[in-house]
Amino acid sequence: MLFNKTPATINQQIDILLQRGCIINDREYAAECLTRINYYRLAYYFAPFLEHKGKYKDGTTFEQIMRIYDFDRMLR
């Protein structure tokens, strides 16, 4: 199977999150996290905050999702 789609840059990934309604208070922090942790690995933690059509529930913040990711990582 041939894939012609180029991967999104970190800034594009942040823009996608913003367009879907995720609040990002610190863009540099989000960029650092997305560089360190693959977007698709974090997608598992984004899922509970998603509503229909891929939009985030009102008030969802990137920092909130990262706290859950970090907590889960500590448990493992």
N, C-alpha and C. Protein backbone atom coordinates (compact mmCIF):
# COMPACT_ATOMS: atom_id res chain seq x y z
N MET A 1 0.85 -1.18 0.00
CA MET A 1 0.00 0.00 0.00
C MET A 1 0.89 1.24 0.00
N LEU A 2 0.60 2.17 -0.87
CA LEU A 2 1.40 3.37 -1.01
C LEU A 2 0.72 4.54 -0.31
N PHE A 3 1.47 5.24 0.54
CA PHE A 3 0.96 6.40 1.25
C PHE A 3 1.63 7.65 0.69
N ASN A 4 0.83 8.59 0.23
CA ASN A 4 1.37 9.83 -0.33
C ASN A 4 1.24 11.01 0.62
N LYS A 5 0.58 10.81 1.74
CA LYS A 5 0.34 11.90 2.67
C LYS A 5 1.60 12.13 3.51
N THR A 6 2.04 13.39 3.58
CA THR A 6 3.21 13.70 4.39
C THR A 6 2.80 13.88 5.84
N PRO A 7 3.67 13.50 6.77
CA PRO A 7 3.32 13.65 8.18
C PRO A 7 3.21 15.13 8.57
N ALA A 8 2.33 15.40 9.52
CA ALA A 8 2.14 16.77 10.01
C ALA A 8 3.32 17.16 10.89
N THR A 9 3.74 18.41 10.78
CA THR A 9 4.80 18.92 11.66
C THR A 9 4.22 19.11 13.06
N ILE A 10 5.09 19.35 14.02
CA ILE A 10 4.63 19.60 15.39
C ILE A 10 3.69 20.80 15.42
N ASN A 11 4.04 21.87 14.73
CA ASN A 11 3.17 23.06 14.70
C ASN A 11 1.83 22.75 14.05
N GLN A 12 1.83 21.93 13.02
CA GLN A 12 0.57 21.54 12.38
C GLN A 12 -0.27 20.68 13.34
N GLN A 13 0.38 19.81 14.10
CA GLN A 13 -0.34 18.98 15.07
C GLN A 13 -0.99 19.86 16.13
N ILE A 14 -0.27 20.87 16.59
CA ILE A 14 -0.82 21.81 17.57
C ILE A 14 -2.00 22.56 16.96
N ASP A 15 -1.87 23.00 15.72
CA ASP A 15 -2.97 23.70 15.05
C ASP A 15 -4.20 22.80 14.91
N ILE A 16 -4.00 21.53 14.64
CA ILE A 16 -5.11 20.58 14.54
C ILE A 16 -5.83 20.48 15.88
N LEU A 17 -5.06 20.36 16.97
CA LEU A 17 -5.66 20.30 18.30
C LEU A 17 -6.47 21.56 18.59
N LEU A 18 -5.90 22.72 18.25
CA LEU A 18 -6.60 23.99 18.47
C LEU A 18 -7.88 24.07 17.64
N GLN A 19 -7.81 23.66 16.38
CA GLN A 19 -8.98 23.70 15.50
C GLN A 19 -10.10 22.80 16.03
N ARG A 20 -9.72 21.74 16.71
CA ARG A 20 -10.72 20.81 17.26
C ARG A 20 -11.22 21.24 18.63
N GLY A 21 -10.72 22.37 19.13
CA GLY A 21 -11.24 22.94 20.36
C GLY A 21 -10.44 22.64 21.61
N CYS A 22 -9.28 22.04 21.48
CA CYS A 22 -8.42 21.80 22.63
C CYS A 22 -7.74 23.12 23.00
N ILE A 23 -7.77 23.47 24.26
CA ILE A 23 -7.14 24.70 24.73
C ILE A 23 -5.68 24.41 25.03
N ILE A 24 -4.80 25.20 24.43
CA ILE A 24 -3.36 25.05 24.67
C ILE A 24 -2.86 26.36 25.25
N ASN A 25 -2.56 26.34 26.55
CA ASN A 25 -2.12 27.55 27.24
C ASN A 25 -0.65 27.86 27.00
N ASP A 26 0.14 26.85 26.71
CA ASP A 26 1.58 27.02 26.52
C ASP A 26 2.00 26.24 25.28
N ARG A 27 2.10 26.94 24.18
CA ARG A 27 2.42 26.29 22.90
C ARG A 27 3.79 25.61 22.93
N GLU A 28 4.76 26.21 23.60
CA GLU A 28 6.10 25.61 23.69
C GLU A 28 6.06 24.30 24.46
N TYR A 29 5.29 24.26 25.54
CA TYR A 29 5.14 23.02 26.32
C TYR A 29 4.49 21.94 25.46
N ALA A 30 3.46 22.31 24.72
CA ALA A 30 2.78 21.34 23.85
C ALA A 30 3.74 20.82 22.79
N ALA A 31 4.54 21.70 22.21
CA ALA A 31 5.51 21.29 21.19
C ALA A 31 6.53 20.33 21.78
N GLU A 32 7.00 20.62 22.99
CA GLU A 32 7.97 19.74 23.65
C GLU A 32 7.36 18.37 23.91
N CYS A 33 6.13 18.34 24.38
CA CYS A 33 5.45 17.07 24.65
C CYS A 33 5.23 16.27 23.37
N LEU A 34 4.78 16.93 22.33
CA LEU A 34 4.52 16.24 21.07
C LEU A 34 5.81 15.78 20.39
N THR A 35 6.91 16.45 20.67
CA THR A 35 8.20 16.01 20.15
C THR A 35 8.67 14.76 20.90
N ARG A 36 8.46 14.77 22.20
CA ARG A 36 8.91 13.67 23.07
C ARG A 36 7.99 12.46 22.98
N ILE A 37 6.69 12.72 22.89
CA ILE A 37 5.68 11.65 22.88
C ILE A 37 4.94 11.73 21.56
N ASN A 38 4.89 10.68 20.85
CA ASN A 38 4.23 10.65 19.56
C ASN A 38 2.76 11.06 19.67
N TYR A 39 2.29 11.86 18.71
CA TYR A 39 0.89 12.32 18.67
C TYR A 39 -0.08 11.14 18.78
N TYR A 40 0.23 10.06 18.09
CA TYR A 40 -0.68 8.92 18.07
C TYR A 40 -0.67 8.16 19.39
N ARG A 41 0.42 8.21 20.13
CA ARG A 41 0.43 7.63 21.47
C ARG A 41 -0.48 8.45 22.38
N LEU A 42 -0.41 9.77 22.24
CA LEU A 42 -1.25 10.64 23.06
C LEU A 42 -2.72 10.57 22.65
N ALA A 43 -2.99 10.17 21.43
CA ALA A 43 -4.38 10.11 20.95
C ALA A 43 -5.24 9.23 21.85
N TYR A 44 -4.66 8.21 22.43
CA TYR A 44 -5.39 7.35 23.38
C TYR A 44 -5.91 8.18 24.55
N TYR A 45 -5.14 9.14 24.99
CA TYR A 45 -5.53 9.98 26.13
C TYR A 45 -6.45 11.12 25.71
N PHE A 46 -6.41 11.49 24.43
CA PHE A 46 -7.33 12.51 23.92
C PHE A 46 -8.76 11.97 23.82
N ALA A 47 -8.89 10.67 23.56
CA ALA A 47 -10.18 10.06 23.22
C ALA A 47 -11.31 10.35 24.21
N PRO A 48 -11.11 10.25 25.53
CA PRO A 48 -12.24 10.51 26.44
C PRO A 48 -12.77 11.94 26.39
N PHE A 49 -11.99 12.84 25.83
CA PHE A 49 -12.37 14.25 25.77
C PHE A 49 -13.01 14.64 24.44
N LEU A 50 -13.09 13.68 23.53
CA LEU A 50 -13.65 13.96 22.22
C LEU A 50 -15.16 13.79 22.20
N GLU A 51 -15.82 14.70 21.51
CA GLU A 51 -17.24 14.58 21.24
C GLU A 51 -17.39 14.13 19.80
N HIS A 52 -18.59 14.18 19.30
CA HIS A 52 -18.84 13.78 17.91
C HIS A 52 -18.06 14.69 16.94
N LYS A 53 -17.77 14.16 15.80
CA LYS A 53 -17.07 14.87 14.72
C LYS A 53 -15.67 15.34 15.12
N GLY A 54 -15.05 14.68 16.09
CA GLY A 54 -13.66 14.97 16.44
C GLY A 54 -13.40 16.25 17.19
N LYS A 55 -14.44 16.89 17.72
CA LYS A 55 -14.26 18.12 18.49
C LYS A 55 -14.09 17.76 19.97
N TYR A 56 -13.29 18.57 20.67
CA TYR A 56 -13.09 18.34 22.10
C TYR A 56 -14.22 18.96 22.92
N LYS A 57 -14.50 18.33 24.05
CA LYS A 57 -15.49 18.88 24.97
C LYS A 57 -15.02 20.26 25.42
N ASP A 58 -15.98 21.14 25.68
CA ASP A 58 -15.65 22.50 26.12
C ASP A 58 -14.76 22.45 27.36
N GLY A 59 -13.73 23.27 27.35
CA GLY A 59 -12.85 23.39 28.51
C GLY A 59 -11.70 22.39 28.54
N THR A 60 -11.62 21.51 27.55
CA THR A 60 -10.53 20.53 27.52
C THR A 60 -9.21 21.23 27.24
N THR A 61 -8.23 20.98 28.09
CA THR A 61 -6.91 21.59 27.88
C THR A 61 -5.86 20.52 27.60
N PHE A 62 -4.86 20.91 26.87
CA PHE A 62 -3.74 20.01 26.58
C PHE A 62 -3.05 19.62 27.88
N GLU A 63 -2.92 20.58 28.79
CA GLU A 63 -2.27 20.32 30.07
C GLU A 63 -3.03 19.27 30.87
N GLN A 64 -4.34 19.31 30.82
CA GLN A 64 -5.19 18.33 31.50
C GLN A 64 -4.92 16.92 30.95
N ILE A 65 -4.83 16.82 29.65
CA ILE A 65 -4.56 15.53 29.01
C ILE A 65 -3.17 15.05 29.40
N MET A 66 -2.20 15.94 29.45
CA MET A 66 -0.84 15.55 29.82
C MET A 66 -0.76 15.10 31.27
N ARG A 67 -1.54 15.70 32.16
CA ARG A 67 -1.56 15.24 33.56
C ARG A 67 -2.03 13.80 33.64
N ILE A 68 -3.04 13.47 32.86
CA ILE A 68 -3.55 12.09 32.84
C ILE A 68 -2.49 11.15 32.26
N TYR A 69 -1.85 11.57 31.19
CA TYR A 69 -0.78 10.76 30.59
C TYR A 69 0.34 10.52 31.61
N ASP A 70 0.79 11.58 32.29
CA ASP A 70 1.87 11.45 33.28
C ASP A 70 1.46 10.56 34.45
N PHE A 71 0.22 10.69 34.91
CA PHE A 71 -0.27 9.85 36.00
C PHE A 71 -0.28 8.38 35.57
N ASP A 72 -0.77 8.11 34.38
CA ASP A 72 -0.80 6.75 33.86
C ASP A 72 0.62 6.19 33.73
N ARG A 73 1.52 7.01 33.30
CA ARG A 73 2.92 6.59 33.15
C ARG A 73 3.54 6.23 34.51
N MET A 74 3.20 7.00 35.55
CA MET A 74 3.70 6.70 36.90
C MET A 74 3.18 5.35 37.40
N LEU A 75 1.95 5.02 37.03
CA LEU A 75 1.36 3.76 37.48
C LEU A 75 2.02 2.55 36.82
N ARG A 76 2.55 2.75 35.65
CA ARG A 76 3.16 1.63 34.93
C ARG A 76 4.55 1.48 35.41
